[in-house]
Amino acid sequence: MVEAEMTELPRKYHAMVIDGPGKPLRATERPIANHGPREILLEVLACGVCRTDLHILDGEIPVARYPVVPGHEIVGRVLACGDEVQGIAVGDRIGVPWLGHTCGHCSYCQLGAENLCDEPVFTGCTRDGGYASHVIADAQFCFPLPARFSDVEAAPLLCAGLIGWRALRMAGDSRKIGFYGFGAAAHLLAQISVWQDRKVYAFTKAGDENGQSFARTLGCVWTGGSDCKPPEILDAAIIFAPVGGLVPAALKAVRKGGLVICAGIHMSDIPAFPYEDLWGERTLMSVANLTREDGTTFLAAADRSGIVPATTTFPLSQANDALLAVREGRLNGAAVLVP
């Protein structure tokens, strides 16, 4: 084990814990467990608040285990490394994403589709995450972070950015693309899309003039409520909002041969819709998790593109308030906890 020189490692850490579905987060202090040979111990510098954390809080992610410390958009400083860790050193600033570990031997892992692994570990869901002062992570599933992003700015890149990037790549070379739900992910991917010379159409909650104004400042060519039709037929639509009713609306908004991509881990039931809305070789698909290759390509693109994450910070002790703000859609951009 490699540890910070002349620095005694902490023995306890502070965390906000979900004891079970529907229960508010509870502040606690715990002993820090020993990290394994391929793991690193991190001091948490910032942790983004993701809508998936709300799904875990609400009991909508079947694999979640309780009690659990949520949080999977973690920026941390390495305090100690296991004996088998390579490429990471004490003192490095590292990002920890949703995908925390994969088995490496199932058919999906063997085919390079580790995002579909049969035995995955998810940060802040099936292992403790970053709503804490310290966290242990599998070093092989962590990322170095571009220096130009502050700790707070880097946090939402690690899920809102990564999952949005995977969805955007699924859209291929679509030039006219609609984003349904303009939150943490969409505000980052809108900037990436504009940098790629795409035309972005932003759909918000009906009447959300503040959100629509925010989208226009990021280069979106049109904004409107999710109950509106865009002025042009779209090549593709990405649904970030966990609302199944948006699927039929998005199908009607895309051209023949167009794509509708559901980018969330959970969505309310999709209502019945006529086959005519799907006909014309339209494609309806979902995004599941991420791969490490998604992480390295997105972070490189985020660095080159000059995107600026919009964030609102909360102290760790106010994690419940941050989650409520995300649930109610009161923020432009992302919420980030700072221990």
Protein backbone atom coordinates (compact mmCIF):
# COMPACT_ATOMS: atom_id res chain seq x y z
CA MET A 1 0.00 0.00 0.00
CA VAL A 2 1.29 3.44 -0.99
CA GLU A 3 0.23 6.27 1.29
CA ALA A 4 0.73 10.01 1.49
CA GLU A 5 4.15 10.69 2.96
CA MET A 6 4.27 12.20 6.44
CA THR A 7 0.44 12.23 6.56
CA GLU A 8 -1.57 9.97 8.81
CA LEU A 9 -4.59 8.60 7.01
CA PRO A 10 -7.97 9.43 8.53
CA ARG A 11 -9.67 6.64 10.44
CA LYS A 12 -13.23 7.91 10.12
CA TYR A 13 -15.26 9.77 7.53
CA HIS A 14 -18.50 11.71 7.38
CA ALA A 15 -21.28 10.69 5.00
CA MET A 16 -24.92 11.17 4.11
CA VAL A 17 -26.68 7.79 3.98
CA ILE A 18 -29.93 6.52 2.47
CA ASP A 19 -31.23 3.87 4.88
CA GLY A 20 -34.02 2.71 2.58
CA PRO A 21 -36.40 3.79 -0.17
CA GLY A 22 -38.31 6.95 0.65
CA LYS A 23 -36.18 7.84 3.65
CA PRO A 24 -34.30 11.17 3.78
CA LEU A 25 -30.54 11.16 3.84
CA ARG A 26 -29.05 10.84 7.31
CA ALA A 27 -25.71 12.25 8.44
CA THR A 28 -23.37 9.70 9.95
CA GLU A 29 -19.74 9.05 10.85
CA ARG A 30 -18.15 5.73 9.97
CA PRO A 31 -14.76 4.06 10.19
CA ILE A 32 -12.83 4.03 6.91
CA ALA A 33 -12.50 0.46 5.63
CA ASN A 34 -9.26 -0.95 4.32
CA HIS A 35 -8.93 -0.52 0.57
CA GLY A 36 -8.03 -3.47 -1.63
CA PRO A 37 -4.92 -3.96 -3.76
CA ARG A 38 -6.59 -2.43 -6.84
CA GLU A 39 -8.42 0.30 -4.97
CA ILE A 40 -7.67 3.88 -3.99
CA LEU A 41 -8.72 5.96 -1.00
CA LEU A 42 -9.87 9.45 -1.97
CA GLU A 43 -10.61 12.61 -0.09
CA VAL A 44 -13.78 13.90 -1.75
CA LEU A 45 -13.38 17.42 -3.14
CA ALA A 46 -16.79 17.66 -4.82
CA CYS A 47 -19.65 15.35 -5.77
CA GLY A 48 -22.38 16.08 -8.29
CA VAL A 49 -26.04 15.48 -7.51
CA CYS A 50 -27.62 13.35 -10.24
CA ARG A 51 -31.26 12.52 -10.94
CA THR A 52 -30.26 8.87 -10.55
CA ASP A 53 -29.63 9.65 -6.88
CA LEU A 54 -33.33 10.56 -6.67
CA HIS A 55 -34.28 7.27 -8.30
CA ILE A 56 -32.22 5.44 -5.67
CA LEU A 57 -33.83 7.52 -2.92
CA ASP A 58 -37.27 6.67 -4.31
CA GLY A 59 -36.55 2.94 -4.60
CA GLU A 60 -36.77 2.93 -8.41
CA ILE A 61 -33.42 1.21 -9.07
CA PRO A 62 -33.97 -2.51 -8.33
CA VAL A 63 -30.28 -3.36 -7.84
CA ALA A 64 -29.67 -0.64 -5.22
CA ARG A 65 -28.57 -1.91 -1.85
CA TYR A 66 -29.37 -0.13 1.40
CA PRO A 67 -28.08 1.47 3.48
CA VAL A 68 -25.95 3.22 0.87
CA VAL A 69 -24.00 6.45 0.52
CA PRO A 70 -25.19 7.86 -2.85
CA GLY A 71 -23.18 9.95 -5.29
CA HIS A 72 -21.39 8.91 -8.49
CA GLU A 73 -20.00 12.16 -9.86
CA ILE A 74 -16.99 12.24 -7.56
CA VAL A 75 -13.90 14.42 -7.78
CA GLY A 76 -11.31 13.42 -5.22
CA ARG A 77 -7.67 13.64 -4.20
CA VAL A 78 -5.84 10.33 -3.82
CA LEU A 79 -4.69 9.65 -0.26
CA ALA A 80 -3.59 6.04 -0.65
CA CYS A 81 -3.21 3.41 -3.38
CA GLY A 82 -3.37 -0.36 -3.23
CA ASP A 83 -0.26 -2.36 -4.11
CA GLU A 84 -1.55 -3.30 -7.58
CA VAL A 85 -2.69 0.16 -8.63
CA GLN A 86 -0.93 1.46 -11.73
CA GLY A 87 -1.01 4.86 -13.37
CA ILE A 88 -2.39 6.67 -10.31
CA ALA A 89 -0.31 8.21 -7.53
CA VAL A 90 -0.95 9.76 -4.15
CA GLY A 91 -1.90 13.39 -4.63
CA ASP A 92 -3.53 12.91 -8.05
CA ARG A 93 -6.95 14.43 -8.72
CA ILE A 94 -9.23 11.66 -9.96
CA GLY A 95 -12.84 11.33 -11.13
CA VAL A 96 -15.06 8.42 -10.04
CA PRO A 97 -18.09 7.63 -12.27
CA TRP A 98 -21.27 5.53 -12.02
CA LEU A 99 -19.68 2.35 -13.38
CA GLY A 100 -17.55 1.24 -10.45
CA HIS A 101 -16.46 -2.26 -11.52
CA THR A 102 -17.27 -5.00 -14.03
CA CYS A 103 -16.72 -8.74 -13.93
CA GLY A 104 -14.51 -8.85 -17.03
CA HIS A 105 -15.59 -12.38 -17.98
CA CYS A 106 -19.26 -12.27 -19.03
CA SER A 107 -20.14 -12.23 -22.74
CA TYR A 108 -20.75 -8.47 -22.69
CA CYS A 109 -17.40 -7.66 -21.12
CA GLN A 110 -15.68 -10.00 -23.56
CA LEU A 111 -17.33 -8.19 -26.48
CA GLY A 112 -16.28 -4.75 -25.24
CA ALA A 113 -19.76 -3.83 -23.98
CA GLU A 114 -18.83 -3.52 -20.32
CA ASN A 115 -21.72 -1.11 -19.80
CA LEU A 116 -23.99 -4.19 -20.10
CA CYS A 117 -21.95 -6.38 -17.71
CA ASP A 118 -23.96 -9.12 -15.97
CA GLU A 119 -22.24 -8.49 -12.62
CA PRO A 120 -21.59 -4.74 -12.44
CA VAL A 121 -20.88 -2.56 -9.43
CA PHE A 122 -22.40 0.91 -9.44
CA THR A 123 -20.93 3.76 -7.42
CA GLY A 124 -23.41 5.23 -4.96
CA CYS A 125 -25.85 2.40 -5.65
CA THR A 126 -24.31 -1.01 -4.98
CA ARG A 127 -21.17 0.40 -3.35
CA ASP A 128 -20.84 3.56 -1.28
CA GLY A 129 -20.38 6.78 -3.20
CA GLY A 130 -19.38 10.39 -2.88
CA TYR A 131 -21.91 12.05 -0.57
CA ALA A 132 -19.09 11.82 1.92
CA SER A 133 -15.76 13.24 3.01
CA HIS A 134 -13.89 10.15 1.76
CA VAL A 135 -14.56 7.26 -0.61
CA ILE A 136 -12.87 4.06 -1.80
CA ALA A 137 -12.94 3.31 -5.53
CA ASP A 138 -11.64 0.73 -8.00
CA ALA A 139 -8.68 2.49 -9.61
CA GLN A 140 -9.27 0.81 -12.99
CA PHE A 141 -12.62 2.59 -13.34
CA CYS A 142 -11.45 6.09 -12.46
CA PHE A 143 -10.42 8.92 -14.76
CA PRO A 144 -7.81 11.68 -14.69
CA LEU A 145 -9.55 15.02 -15.10
CA PRO A 146 -8.69 17.94 -17.40
CA ALA A 147 -6.87 20.60 -15.41
CA ARG A 148 -8.95 23.49 -16.76
CA PHE A 149 -12.05 22.37 -14.84
CA SER A 150 -12.33 23.24 -11.17
CA ASP A 151 -13.33 20.50 -8.74
CA VAL A 152 -16.95 21.69 -8.78
CA GLU A 153 -17.06 22.07 -12.58
CA ALA A 154 -15.57 18.60 -13.11
CA ALA A 155 -18.14 16.80 -10.96
CA PRO A 156 -21.15 16.83 -13.35
CA LEU A 157 -18.93 15.71 -16.22
CA LEU A 158 -18.72 12.29 -14.57
CA CYS A 159 -22.33 11.25 -15.20
CA ALA A 160 -24.42 14.03 -16.71
CA GLY A 161 -21.63 14.52 -19.21
CA LEU A 162 -20.64 10.89 -19.72
CA ILE A 163 -24.13 9.46 -20.18
CA GLY A 164 -25.12 12.42 -22.34
CA TRP A 165 -22.03 11.83 -24.47
CA ARG A 166 -22.90 8.17 -24.95
CA ALA A 167 -26.42 9.17 -26.02
CA LEU A 168 -25.05 11.81 -28.39
CA ARG A 169 -22.70 9.31 -30.00
CA MET A 170 -25.66 7.00 -30.58
CA ALA A 171 -27.26 9.85 -32.52
CA GLY A 172 -24.45 9.54 -35.07
CA ASP A 173 -24.08 12.47 -37.42
CA SER A 174 -27.60 13.85 -36.80
CA ARG A 175 -27.44 17.58 -37.50
CA LYS A 176 -30.80 18.67 -36.05
CA ILE A 177 -31.18 17.23 -32.57
CA GLY A 178 -33.74 17.78 -29.83
CA PHE A 179 -33.09 17.51 -26.10
CA TYR A 180 -36.16 16.74 -23.97
CA GLY A 181 -35.45 17.89 -20.42
CA PHE A 182 -32.85 20.63 -20.10
CA GLY A 183 -31.02 19.82 -16.90
CA ALA A 184 -27.47 18.89 -15.94
CA ALA A 185 -26.84 16.55 -18.89
CA ALA A 186 -28.54 18.58 -21.62
CA HIS A 187 -26.80 21.82 -20.69
CA LEU A 188 -23.42 20.14 -21.15
CA LEU A 189 -24.32 18.25 -24.32
CA ALA A 190 -25.90 21.34 -25.87
CA GLN A 191 -22.51 23.03 -25.65
CA ILE A 192 -20.76 20.00 -27.13
CA SER A 193 -23.33 19.77 -29.92
CA VAL A 194 -22.99 23.44 -30.85
CA TRP A 195 -19.21 22.96 -30.92
CA GLN A 196 -19.83 20.08 -33.35
CA ASP A 197 -21.93 22.39 -35.58
CA ARG A 198 -25.23 20.70 -34.77
CA LYS A 199 -28.49 22.60 -34.39
CA VAL A 200 -29.94 22.03 -30.91
CA TYR A 201 -33.64 22.29 -30.05
CA ALA A 202 -34.32 22.45 -26.30
CA PHE A 203 -37.58 21.15 -24.82
CA THR A 204 -38.31 22.13 -21.21
CA LYS A 205 -41.28 21.84 -18.90
CA ALA A 206 -44.17 23.88 -20.27
CA GLY A 207 -43.84 27.50 -19.18
CA ASP A 208 -40.25 27.20 -17.96
CA GLU A 209 -39.14 30.53 -19.40
CA ASN A 210 -36.04 30.64 -17.21
CA GLY A 211 -34.86 27.25 -18.46
CA GLN A 212 -35.59 28.20 -22.05
CA SER A 213 -33.67 31.45 -21.70
CA PHE A 214 -30.75 29.52 -20.21
CA ALA A 215 -30.79 27.10 -23.15
CA ARG A 216 -30.63 29.97 -25.63
CA THR A 217 -27.55 31.38 -23.92
CA LEU A 218 -25.83 28.06 -24.66
CA GLY A 219 -26.50 28.27 -28.38
CA CYS A 220 -29.78 26.38 -28.79
CA VAL A 221 -31.52 27.55 -31.96
CA TRP A 222 -35.04 26.97 -30.59
CA THR A 223 -36.57 26.47 -27.16
CA GLY A 224 -40.07 25.52 -26.12
CA GLY A 225 -42.16 23.35 -23.85
CA SER A 226 -42.10 19.58 -24.25
CA ASP A 227 -45.72 19.86 -25.39
CA CYS A 228 -44.64 21.94 -28.41
CA LYS A 229 -43.62 20.89 -31.89
CA PRO A 230 -40.25 22.18 -33.11
CA PRO A 231 -40.24 24.45 -36.17
CA GLU A 232 -38.31 21.84 -38.16
CA ILE A 233 -38.42 18.07 -38.31
CA LEU A 234 -35.55 16.62 -36.28
CA ASP A 235 -32.94 14.03 -37.20
CA ALA A 236 -32.78 12.73 -33.63
CA ALA A 237 -34.10 13.38 -30.15
CA ILE A 238 -32.52 12.53 -26.79
CA ILE A 239 -34.86 12.24 -23.82
CA PHE A 240 -33.13 13.16 -20.56
CA ALA A 241 -36.31 13.68 -18.51
CA PRO A 242 -37.58 10.45 -16.87
CA VAL A 243 -41.03 10.88 -18.40
CA GLY A 244 -42.32 8.06 -20.57
CA GLY A 245 -44.97 10.30 -22.10
CA LEU A 246 -42.23 12.16 -23.97
CA VAL A 247 -41.45 9.13 -26.12
CA PRO A 248 -44.50 9.40 -28.41
CA ALA A 249 -43.98 13.17 -28.64
CA ALA A 250 -40.35 12.71 -29.65
CA LEU A 251 -41.23 10.07 -32.24
CA LYS A 252 -43.61 12.55 -33.87
CA ALA A 253 -40.86 15.19 -33.92
CA VAL A 254 -38.22 13.14 -35.78
CA ARG A 255 -38.04 12.42 -39.51
CA LYS A 256 -38.38 9.05 -41.19
CA GLY A 257 -35.23 7.12 -40.34
CA GLY A 258 -34.76 9.33 -37.29
CA LEU A 259 -33.69 8.31 -33.79
CA VAL A 260 -35.24 8.68 -30.36
CA ILE A 261 -32.79 7.88 -27.55
CA CYS A 262 -33.86 7.46 -23.92
CA ALA A 263 -30.87 8.52 -21.84
CA GLY A 264 -32.04 7.87 -18.27
CA ILE A 265 -31.62 4.81 -16.07
CA HIS A 266 -35.28 4.99 -15.06
CA MET A 267 -38.39 6.30 -16.83
CA SER A 268 -42.08 6.24 -16.08
CA ASP A 269 -44.12 3.89 -18.23
CA ILE A 270 -44.32 4.73 -21.92
CA PRO A 271 -47.96 5.13 -22.96
CA ALA A 272 -49.40 3.29 -25.93
CA PHE A 273 -48.94 5.03 -29.26
CA PRO A 274 -49.95 4.19 -32.83
CA TYR A 275 -47.54 2.17 -34.92
CA GLU A 276 -47.65 4.98 -37.48
CA ASP A 277 -45.53 7.13 -35.14
CA LEU A 278 -42.76 4.52 -35.21
CA TRP A 279 -43.16 3.49 -38.82
CA GLY A 280 -40.87 4.95 -41.44
CA GLU A 281 -37.84 3.17 -39.98
CA ARG A 282 -37.66 5.39 -36.95
CA THR A 283 -35.55 3.89 -34.16
CA LEU A 284 -36.32 3.92 -30.43
CA MET A 285 -33.40 2.96 -28.19
CA SER A 286 -32.01 3.33 -24.68
CA VAL A 287 -28.66 4.15 -23.12
CA ALA A 288 -27.36 1.87 -20.38
CA ASN A 289 -24.52 3.03 -18.14
CA LEU A 290 -21.17 3.85 -19.75
CA THR A 291 -17.86 2.34 -20.76
CA ARG A 292 -14.42 3.53 -19.82
CA GLU A 293 -13.88 4.43 -23.46
CA ASP A 294 -16.89 6.78 -23.21
CA GLY A 295 -15.13 8.44 -20.30
CA THR A 296 -11.79 9.02 -21.96
CA THR A 297 -13.30 10.29 -25.23
CA PHE A 298 -15.80 12.57 -23.53
CA LEU A 299 -13.33 14.17 -21.14
CA ALA A 300 -10.98 14.86 -24.06
CA ALA A 301 -13.86 16.43 -26.03
CA ALA A 302 -14.99 18.44 -23.01
CA ASP A 303 -11.49 19.83 -22.65
CA ARG A 304 -11.13 20.74 -26.34
CA SER A 305 -14.62 22.16 -26.80
CA GLY A 306 -14.34 24.83 -24.13
CA ILE A 307 -17.64 23.93 -22.45
CA VAL A 308 -18.43 25.65 -19.16
CA PRO A 309 -20.48 23.63 -16.65
CA ALA A 310 -23.10 25.68 -14.80
CA THR A 311 -23.24 24.66 -11.14
CA THR A 312 -24.91 25.48 -7.85
CA THR A 313 -23.01 24.32 -4.76
CA PHE A 314 -24.38 22.97 -1.49
CA PRO A 315 -22.51 21.87 1.62
CA LEU A 316 -22.58 18.11 2.20
CA SER A 317 -24.87 18.58 5.19
CA GLN A 318 -27.51 20.06 2.88
CA ALA A 319 -27.67 17.07 0.54
CA ASN A 320 -31.41 16.69 1.12
CA ASP A 321 -31.94 20.30 0.03
CA ALA A 322 -29.83 19.73 -3.08
CA LEU A 323 -31.86 16.67 -4.05
CA LEU A 324 -35.10 18.57 -3.57
CA ALA A 325 -33.84 21.38 -5.80
CA VAL A 326 -33.01 18.83 -8.51
CA ARG A 327 -36.38 17.11 -8.11
CA GLU A 328 -38.24 20.40 -8.50
CA GLY A 329 -36.12 21.57 -11.41
CA ARG A 330 -35.13 24.80 -9.68
CA LEU A 331 -31.55 24.88 -10.93
CA ASN A 332 -29.89 25.79 -14.19
CA GLY A 333 -27.18 23.22 -14.79
CA ALA A 334 -26.01 20.90 -12.03
CA ALA A 335 -26.06 20.75 -8.24
CA VAL A 336 -22.74 19.89 -6.59
CA LEU A 337 -22.01 18.96 -2.98
CA VAL A 338 -18.82 20.21 -1.38
CA PRO A 339 -17.72 18.47 1.86
